[in-house]
Every structure is written in structure tokens, then in C-alpha cells.
Protein backbone atom coordinates (compact mmCIF):
# COMPACT_ATOMS: atom_id res chain seq x y z
CA UNK A 1 -51.37 -18.56 -250.31
CA UNK A 2 -52.92 -19.18 -253.75
CA UNK A 3 -56.27 -19.80 -254.61
CA UNK A 4 -57.63 -21.79 -257.45
CA UNK A 5 -61.26 -21.20 -258.51
CA UNK A 6 -63.83 -24.02 -260.02
CA UNK A 7 -66.62 -22.82 -261.93
CA UNK A 8 -69.85 -24.51 -261.52
CA UNK A 9 -68.45 -27.41 -258.98
CA UNK A 10 -70.94 -29.95 -258.63
CA UNK A 11 -71.18 -31.56 -255.12
CA UNK A 12 -71.90 -35.52 -253.91
CA UNK A 13 -74.85 -33.81 -251.98
CA UNK A 14 -76.66 -32.45 -255.17
CA UNK A 15 -75.20 -28.79 -254.66
CA UNK A 16 -73.86 -26.98 -257.32
CA UNK A 17 -70.83 -24.41 -256.69
CA UNK A 18 -71.53 -21.21 -258.83
CA UNK A 19 -67.41 -20.60 -258.13
CA UNK A 20 -65.46 -23.35 -256.15
CA UNK A 21 -62.80 -22.06 -254.00
CA UNK A 22 -59.20 -23.85 -252.91
CA UNK A 23 -56.40 -22.49 -251.29
CA UNK A 24 -53.42 -24.22 -251.31
CA UNK A 25 -49.65 -23.51 -250.78
CA UNK A 26 -46.52 -24.84 -252.75
CA UNK A 27 -42.92 -25.23 -251.09
CA UNK A 28 -39.88 -26.46 -252.77
CA UNK A 29 -39.53 -26.69 -256.55
CA UNK A 30 -41.21 -28.87 -259.13
CA UNK A 31 -38.78 -30.73 -261.15
CA UNK A 32 -38.59 -30.56 -265.14
CA UNK A 33 -40.48 -34.85 -265.16
CA UNK A 34 -42.76 -33.78 -262.50
CA UNK A 35 -42.11 -36.95 -260.72
CA UNK A 36 -40.98 -35.04 -257.39
CA UNK A 37 -44.68 -33.89 -255.94
CA UNK A 38 -45.72 -34.78 -252.30
CA UNK A 39 -49.65 -33.84 -251.62
CA UNK A 40 -50.30 -32.88 -248.15
CA UNK A 41 -54.07 -32.48 -247.65
CA UNK A 42 -55.40 -30.49 -244.53
CA UNK A 43 -56.80 -32.40 -240.89
CA UNK A 44 -59.55 -31.41 -239.12
CA UNK A 45 -59.78 -27.69 -238.10
CA UNK A 46 -56.55 -27.07 -239.61
CA UNK A 47 -55.28 -24.50 -242.05
CA UNK A 48 -52.18 -24.84 -243.95
CA UNK A 49 -49.97 -22.88 -241.27
CA UNK A 50 -50.79 -25.20 -238.68
CA UNK A 51 -49.63 -27.96 -240.51
CA UNK A 52 -46.48 -26.96 -242.04
CA UNK A 53 -44.08 -26.98 -239.50
CA UNK A 54 -42.99 -30.61 -240.58
CA UNK A 55 -42.12 -29.07 -244.29
CA UNK A 56 -38.83 -28.09 -243.67
CA UNK A 57 -35.18 -29.12 -244.79
CA UNK A 58 -34.25 -32.30 -242.89
CA UNK A 59 -37.96 -32.52 -241.81
CA UNK A 60 -40.35 -35.35 -242.19
CA UNK A 61 -41.45 -33.74 -245.88
CA UNK A 62 -37.92 -32.07 -247.17
CA UNK A 63 -38.83 -29.32 -249.46
CA UNK A 64 -35.61 -28.92 -251.04
CA UNK A 65 -36.29 -33.03 -252.60
CA UNK A 66 -39.78 -32.84 -252.98
CA UNK A 67 -42.51 -30.40 -254.37
CA UNK A 68 -44.72 -30.17 -251.37
CA UNK A 69 -48.31 -28.98 -252.42
CA UNK A 70 -50.75 -28.41 -249.50
CA UNK A 71 -54.23 -27.74 -250.13
CA UNK A 72 -57.18 -26.82 -247.64
CA UNK A 73 -60.03 -29.20 -247.73
CA UNK A 74 -63.68 -27.82 -248.27
CA UNK A 75 -65.15 -26.36 -244.91
CA UNK A 76 -61.83 -25.43 -243.20
CA UNK A 77 -62.47 -21.87 -243.39
CA UNK A 78 -60.35 -20.72 -246.12
CA UNK A 79 -61.51 -22.91 -249.18
CA UNK A 80 -65.17 -22.85 -249.75
CA UNK A 81 -66.86 -23.29 -246.69
CA UNK A 82 -69.97 -22.09 -244.62
CA UNK A 83 -68.09 -19.13 -243.52
CA UNK A 84 -66.70 -17.30 -246.75
CA UNK A 85 -69.42 -19.03 -249.33
CA UNK A 86 -73.18 -17.92 -249.48
CA UNK A 87 -74.23 -21.22 -250.65
CA UNK A 88 -72.27 -23.47 -247.98
CA UNK A 89 -75.16 -24.45 -246.13
CA UNK A 90 -74.75 -27.33 -243.37
CA UNK A 91 -76.48 -30.49 -243.31
CA UNK A 92 -79.60 -28.78 -241.67
CA UNK A 93 -80.14 -27.69 -245.12
CA UNK A 94 -78.91 -30.93 -247.06
CA UNK A 95 -75.80 -29.64 -247.83
CA UNK A 96 -72.52 -30.83 -247.61
CA UNK A 97 -68.72 -31.57 -248.65
CA UNK A 98 -67.63 -34.90 -249.08
CA UNK A 99 -63.81 -36.54 -249.64
CA UNK A 100 -65.05 -37.45 -253.11
CA UNK A 101 -65.50 -33.45 -253.63
CA UNK A 102 -62.12 -32.39 -252.19
CA UNK A 103 -60.22 -35.09 -254.29
CA UNK A 104 -61.90 -34.42 -257.58
CA UNK A 105 -61.16 -30.66 -256.90
CA UNK A 106 -57.35 -31.36 -255.98
CA UNK A 107 -57.00 -33.96 -258.63
CA UNK A 108 -58.40 -30.62 -260.90
CA UNK A 109 -56.14 -28.13 -259.24
CA UNK A 110 -52.93 -30.46 -259.91
CA UNK A 111 -53.70 -31.21 -263.55
CA UNK A 112 -55.04 -27.58 -264.84
CA UNK A 113 -52.24 -25.56 -262.94
CA UNK A 114 -48.87 -27.51 -262.78
CA UNK A 115 -49.70 -30.50 -265.27
CA UNK A 116 -49.11 -32.91 -262.29
CA UNK A 117 -50.40 -36.46 -263.64
CA UNK A 118 -48.98 -38.19 -261.00
CA UNK A 119 -48.26 -38.16 -257.05
CA UNK A 120 -44.81 -39.22 -255.83
CA UNK A 121 -46.77 -39.28 -252.36
CA UNK A 122 -50.48 -38.61 -250.79
CA UNK A 123 -49.39 -37.73 -246.90
CA UNK A 124 -51.69 -37.50 -244.32
CA UNK A 125 -52.28 -37.20 -240.68
CA UNK A 126 -56.37 -37.85 -239.55
CA UNK A 127 -58.27 -36.19 -242.33
CA UNK A 128 -55.58 -35.78 -244.32
CA UNK A 129 -55.18 -39.53 -244.30
CA UNK A 130 -59.01 -40.16 -245.22
CA UNK A 131 -58.16 -37.92 -248.34
CA UNK A 132 -54.49 -39.94 -249.18
CA UNK A 133 -57.01 -43.36 -248.95
CA UNK A 134 -59.65 -41.56 -251.62
CA UNK A 135 -56.86 -40.62 -253.74
CA UNK A 136 -55.37 -44.08 -253.53
CA UNK A 137 -58.57 -45.61 -254.45
CA UNK A 138 -59.84 -43.32 -257.25
CA UNK A 139 -56.73 -42.63 -258.60
CA UNK A 140 -55.17 -45.86 -258.53
CA UNK A 141 -52.59 -45.51 -261.46
CA UNK A 142 -51.89 -42.16 -260.38
CA UNK A 143 -50.17 -42.43 -256.43
CA UNK A 144 -46.89 -44.06 -256.33
CA UNK A 145 -47.04 -43.96 -252.58
CA UNK A 146 -49.55 -43.46 -249.36
CA UNK A 147 -48.12 -42.59 -246.06
CA UNK A 148 -51.85 -42.99 -243.94
CA UNK A 149 -51.17 -41.17 -240.29
CA UNK A 150 -53.63 -41.83 -237.44
CA UNK A 151 -56.75 -41.98 -240.02
CA UNK A 152 -58.95 -44.51 -241.65
CA UNK A 153 -60.79 -45.14 -244.92
CA UNK A 154 -63.87 -45.54 -243.38
CA UNK A 155 -65.46 -43.72 -240.23
CA UNK A 156 -66.06 -46.09 -238.04
CA UNK A 157 -69.33 -46.60 -235.94
CA UNK A 158 -67.09 -45.84 -232.59
CA UNK A 159 -65.93 -42.75 -234.18
CA UNK A 160 -68.59 -41.82 -235.27
CA UNK A 161 -70.15 -41.59 -231.56
CA UNK A 162 -67.65 -39.24 -231.00
CA UNK A 163 -68.00 -37.10 -233.82
CA UNK A 164 -71.89 -36.81 -233.05
CA UNK A 165 -70.66 -35.57 -229.49
CA UNK A 166 -69.02 -32.92 -230.86
CA UNK A 167 -71.44 -31.82 -233.03
CA UNK A 168 -74.17 -31.78 -230.47
CA UNK A 169 -72.34 -29.85 -228.26
CA UNK A 170 -72.49 -27.09 -230.33
CA UNK A 171 -76.09 -27.34 -231.77
CA UNK A 172 -77.03 -27.57 -227.75
CA UNK A 173 -75.91 -24.01 -227.25
CA UNK A 174 -78.19 -21.22 -226.85
CA UNK A 175 -76.85 -19.25 -229.83
CA UNK A 176 -77.58 -21.75 -232.74
CA UNK A 177 -81.14 -21.61 -234.10
CA UNK A 178 -81.73 -24.55 -236.00
CA UNK A 179 -79.94 -23.64 -239.14
CA UNK A 180 -77.03 -21.89 -238.16
CA UNK A 181 -75.73 -19.72 -235.28
CA UNK A 182 -76.96 -16.17 -233.66
CA UNK A 183 -73.68 -15.51 -232.17
CA UNK A 184 -70.70 -17.63 -230.48
CA UNK A 185 -71.56 -20.19 -228.95
CA UNK A 186 -69.22 -19.69 -225.69
CA UNK A 187 -71.29 -22.94 -223.80
CA UNK A 188 -70.32 -25.26 -227.02
CA UNK A 189 -67.12 -24.10 -227.57
CA UNK A 190 -66.03 -24.73 -224.10
CA UNK A 191 -67.85 -28.26 -224.20
CA UNK A 192 -66.31 -28.98 -227.69
CA UNK A 193 -63.39 -28.29 -226.55
CA UNK A 194 -63.51 -30.90 -223.42
CA UNK A 195 -64.95 -33.78 -225.27
CA UNK A 196 -62.17 -33.12 -227.90
CA UNK A 197 -58.95 -33.23 -225.53
CA UNK A 198 -60.59 -36.14 -223.57
CA UNK A 199 -60.25 -38.87 -226.86
CA UNK A 200 -57.32 -37.30 -228.58
CA UNK A 201 -54.22 -37.89 -226.09
CA UNK A 202 -54.51 -41.07 -224.05
CA UNK A 203 -54.91 -42.09 -220.07
CA UNK A 204 -52.17 -42.39 -220.01
CA UNK A 205 -50.41 -38.68 -221.35
CA UNK A 206 -52.99 -37.27 -218.91
CA UNK A 207 -52.10 -39.46 -216.16
CA UNK A 208 -48.29 -38.31 -216.44
CA UNK A 209 -48.92 -34.62 -216.86
CA UNK A 210 -47.18 -34.43 -219.85
CA UNK A 211 -48.73 -31.00 -220.57
CA UNK A 212 -47.05 -29.00 -217.74
CA UNK A 213 -43.66 -29.40 -219.77
CA UNK A 214 -45.11 -26.31 -222.16
CA UNK A 215 -46.08 -24.43 -219.58
CA UNK A 216 -49.59 -24.93 -218.59
CA UNK A 217 -50.45 -24.44 -214.77
CA UNK A 218 -53.38 -27.04 -214.36
CA UNK A 219 -55.50 -29.50 -216.08
CA UNK A 220 -57.66 -26.56 -216.44
CA UNK A 221 -55.47 -24.14 -217.85
CA UNK A 222 -54.28 -26.70 -220.70
CA UNK A 223 -57.79 -27.59 -221.45
CA UNK A 224 -58.71 -23.63 -221.83
CA UNK A 225 -55.11 -22.46 -223.55
CA UNK A 226 -54.59 -25.61 -225.35
CA UNK A 227 -57.38 -26.53 -226.51
CA UNK A 228 -60.56 -23.96 -226.36
CA UNK A 229 -58.69 -21.37 -227.56
CA UNK A 230 -57.79 -23.12 -230.51
CA UNK A 231 -61.32 -23.93 -231.50
CA UNK A 232 -62.31 -20.19 -230.71
CA UNK A 233 -60.31 -19.13 -233.54
CA UNK A 234 -62.44 -21.15 -236.19
CA UNK A 235 -66.17 -20.40 -237.33
CA UNK A 236 -68.35 -23.04 -235.58
CA UNK A 237 -70.47 -23.37 -238.88
CA UNK A 238 -66.83 -24.46 -240.23
CA UNK A 239 -65.92 -27.23 -237.33
CA UNK A 240 -69.86 -28.55 -238.64
CA UNK A 241 -68.99 -28.84 -241.83
CA UNK A 242 -65.73 -30.97 -241.42
CA UNK A 243 -67.73 -32.88 -238.80
CA UNK A 244 -69.84 -33.72 -241.27
CA UNK A 245 -67.37 -34.66 -244.57
CA UNK A 246 -65.97 -37.00 -241.52
CA UNK A 247 -68.61 -38.58 -240.53
CA UNK A 248 -69.71 -39.61 -244.07
CA UNK A 249 -65.69 -40.60 -244.82
CA UNK A 250 -66.21 -43.62 -246.71
CA UNK A 251 -63.52 -44.99 -249.45
CA UNK A 252 -66.39 -46.89 -251.42
CA UNK A 253 -69.26 -44.67 -251.53
CA UNK A 254 -68.59 -42.74 -254.89
CA UNK A 255 -70.21 -43.70 -258.32
CA UNK A 256 -66.50 -46.01 -258.85
CA UNK A 257 -67.33 -48.28 -256.05
CA UNK A 258 -70.79 -48.09 -255.24
CA UNK A 259 -69.91 -48.91 -251.39
CA UNK A 260 -68.20 -51.98 -252.36
CA UNK A 261 -65.53 -51.36 -249.71
CA UNK A 262 -63.25 -54.36 -249.46
CA UNK A 263 -63.12 -53.68 -253.48
CA UNK A 264 -62.16 -50.19 -252.76
CA UNK A 265 -59.76 -50.71 -250.57
CA UNK A 266 -57.73 -53.80 -252.66
CA UNK A 267 -58.05 -51.49 -255.79
CA UNK A 268 -55.19 -48.77 -254.13
CA UNK A 269 -52.43 -49.71 -255.59
CA UNK A 270 -49.85 -47.77 -253.83
CA UNK A 271 -47.10 -48.19 -251.72
CA UNK A 272 -49.06 -47.42 -248.69
CA UNK A 273 -47.93 -47.34 -245.21
CA UNK A 274 -50.41 -47.50 -242.66
CA UNK A 275 -49.36 -45.85 -239.72
CA UNK A 276 -51.47 -45.26 -236.34
CA UNK A 277 -50.57 -44.14 -233.16
CA UNK A 278 -50.88 -47.07 -230.33
CA UNK A 279 -52.93 -45.03 -227.95
CA UNK A 280 -55.25 -43.51 -230.28
CA UNK A 281 -58.75 -43.59 -228.87
CA UNK A 282 -60.43 -43.12 -232.30
CA UNK A 283 -58.67 -44.19 -235.40
CA UNK A 284 -57.74 -47.12 -233.17
CA UNK A 285 -54.80 -49.62 -233.82
CA UNK A 286 -56.70 -52.56 -235.02
CA UNK A 287 -59.38 -50.63 -236.79
CA UNK A 288 -56.05 -49.73 -239.07
CA UNK A 289 -54.41 -52.82 -239.17
CA UNK A 290 -57.81 -54.71 -240.22
CA UNK A 291 -57.46 -52.06 -243.40
CA UNK A 292 -54.25 -52.51 -244.07
CA UNK A 293 -54.55 -56.27 -244.62
CA UNK A 294 -56.90 -55.60 -247.36
CA UNK A 295 -54.19 -53.09 -248.95
CA UNK A 296 -52.35 -55.31 -251.71
CA UNK A 297 -48.90 -52.80 -250.81
CA UNK A 298 -49.60 -52.26 -247.62
CA UNK A 299 -47.12 -51.75 -244.53
CA UNK A 300 -48.74 -51.76 -240.98
CA UNK A 301 -46.15 -49.69 -238.82
CA UNK A 302 -48.09 -48.14 -235.44
CA UNK A 303 -46.14 -45.47 -233.32
CA UNK A 304 -44.98 -46.51 -229.82
CA UNK A 305 -46.63 -43.24 -227.68
CA UNK A 306 -48.81 -42.14 -224.93
CA UNK A 307 -49.77 -38.82 -227.23
CA UNK A 308 -52.94 -40.71 -228.54
CA UNK A 309 -54.25 -39.38 -231.72
CA UNK A 310 -51.48 -36.32 -231.41
CA UNK A 311 -48.75 -38.87 -232.30
CA UNK A 312 -49.41 -38.23 -235.18
CA UNK A 313 -49.01 -34.60 -235.78
CA UNK A 314 -46.15 -34.27 -233.44
CA UNK A 315 -45.01 -30.84 -233.30
CA UNK A 316 -44.50 -30.63 -229.63
CA UNK A 317 -42.79 -34.32 -229.60
CA UNK A 318 -39.30 -35.24 -231.26
CA UNK A 319 -39.32 -38.58 -230.22
CA UNK A 320 -42.99 -39.41 -232.28
CA UNK A 321 -41.35 -36.87 -235.17
CA UNK A 322 -38.14 -38.46 -235.68
CA UNK A 323 -40.47 -42.37 -235.78
CA UNK A 324 -42.15 -40.91 -238.79
CA UNK A 325 -39.81 -39.01 -240.52
CA UNK A 326 -37.69 -42.00 -240.77
CA UNK A 327 -40.39 -44.26 -241.75
CA UNK A 328 -41.88 -41.74 -244.24
CA UNK A 329 -38.02 -41.31 -245.65
CA UNK A 330 -38.08 -45.10 -245.89
CA UNK A 331 -41.51 -45.11 -247.61
CA UNK A 332 -39.97 -42.80 -249.60
CA UNK A 333 -36.63 -44.31 -251.11
CA UNK A 334 -38.72 -47.66 -251.91
CA UNK A 335 -39.13 -47.85 -256.28
CA UNK A 336 -42.82 -47.14 -257.18
CA UNK A 337 -45.18 -49.73 -257.33
CA UNK A 338 -45.15 -51.93 -260.48
CA UNK A 339 -49.21 -51.64 -259.72
């Protein structure tokens, strides 16, 4: 695990971090001309050890061929977050991170630490896909390929309802004092996990009881050990901070595009693989398809799965993993876009 620090880092919300911190991990070897770089941003609630499972020889991202960098996004508890940064408040205090902040800081890390000016691929699932789209729009001449797995470039109104229900589940807990937590939000965690579980997998996933194959004794056991226990490992302030980033996701909400969403999407010149899950309930195939149409060099390839949103992170699901791996390997074999 490595740490990159940026002094006096200005955030889009108007705050300045005297010393912003990005935690990252690398896999594989950087080649001489720095042409084999894959950036792999983190997803909601995840830290790099949670998502590095797919970086392995003959995996979705193969470190024997590529130099893979996972950079932890702001708010996830490793990089600058409310839990480790005195200046990092919450939205109630007028403070939040955006993907413009994430991508700007990531670009500085890659350039100053490794001398990397161009990326062979930005691979991202969920909030990682959001960051991949931001990379493609903000650095259109420096990103060769994008693999956007189960994510959109702009948060939809329907998705916003899901996110606000999660946020309200935490702030409705008795330990919430209006700006932070006075203790462990037990009731909030319990509600949060059940809302998340109901959206992250499809109705068919639950109807077929797929969770039983992983040793869970009942639905309640699955919700408790498979969901609630995981989120209890995270600081609730960090969970809220990442929700605030997700709520504000809009690839065009920056000084470059000034909220011209279609211009931002059409400015992406990377060969872009848009890969939703056919049963994703909040990054729906229809929403992803609408975005793919706007990107000049895009391919739309849904994952045929009943795992819902979790099809995009198939650490328990070899069939979906194989589908993604084949598509990503084909994407990496294509020649660089001439755009």
C-alpha cells in the first residue's frame, strides 16, 4: 500500500485540503514506454483489497501483461475521508467530494509518481465506472479504452431515490446529532444493509435462493452476515461521504463542460465498453444504452445475469466473471482509437 500526498488541494465544493491523501496499490510492472497502464478506481464502500481479486494471471486484469493501479477514491476510509481527515466534514457542513476531485487527484498521482501521461484502459465497476467516464471526458486525448461495468456517467433521478433512502437510514438513527454520529448507528446499519441488499441483487436472485450455495442458513442470515456485517466495518461518515459523491455524479458538472451533458459524452474518444447487467435495478440497461449511444466509439454489451448489480463484481460467480473477462480482453486487443 502506497500513499501520495497533495498539498493545498482545492475541492469542487470550495474547500481546500491542506494535505490531501490518496492511497493506492500497484500490480505488475510498468513497461519502458509506459504504454501498459490500467487504472482501476474503487467502487462504493470498497477499498483496494476488496476489489483486487480480479487482478491475477489470466484474470479479468492480468498483471503479467499490464501495470494495474488501484487508487482508493476520496471518502472510502483509506484516502482522505471524514474518518481520517479533520477538515473533511459532511454535506451538512458544506463539504463533499466529487468525481472531478477524484480524477484530478488521480491524474496528478499518475503523472508525478510514475510519469504516466496516457492510459491503456480505465476499468471501473459501479462508482468506478463513474470515474472511468470522467476520465474519458476530462482527459479525452489520454485514455485509449474504457470498460464501464454497471455504472452511468450521470446519476439518474431513480438512482437518486435509492441513494437518499440509504442516507436517510443512517441519519434517522438516534446517534445522529445533525452533523455527525455520537456512537455506533446500530439501527441505521441494519436498515442501510437491507435497503442495499434489496437493490443490489435481482428479484430472480432471491427467488432462486442463490445465497444458500454460499453457506447461509436463511435469508435473514444472508442479510446479517452477507450485508450488514460488511457495512459495519466502515465508518458511517465515510458511507455518507461516498453517497454524497454518487449523488453528485455528473460527467458534465465541471468547468470544462458547464453541465452540457451531451457534449461531455460526445467528447469521450476512448474505445468504450458499456457493460450493464441485464437485471441491474439502479444502473439499468436502458439508462446505460442511452449513454452508449452518445459515445462515438462505444460498444454496448449487457451481462446476461440474474445477479443484478453484483454481476459486475462477480467474485462468487464464475460465469459472469468469464463473460466480463472475455469482453475486456477483446477490448484490450483492439488498436488504439484514432480520435
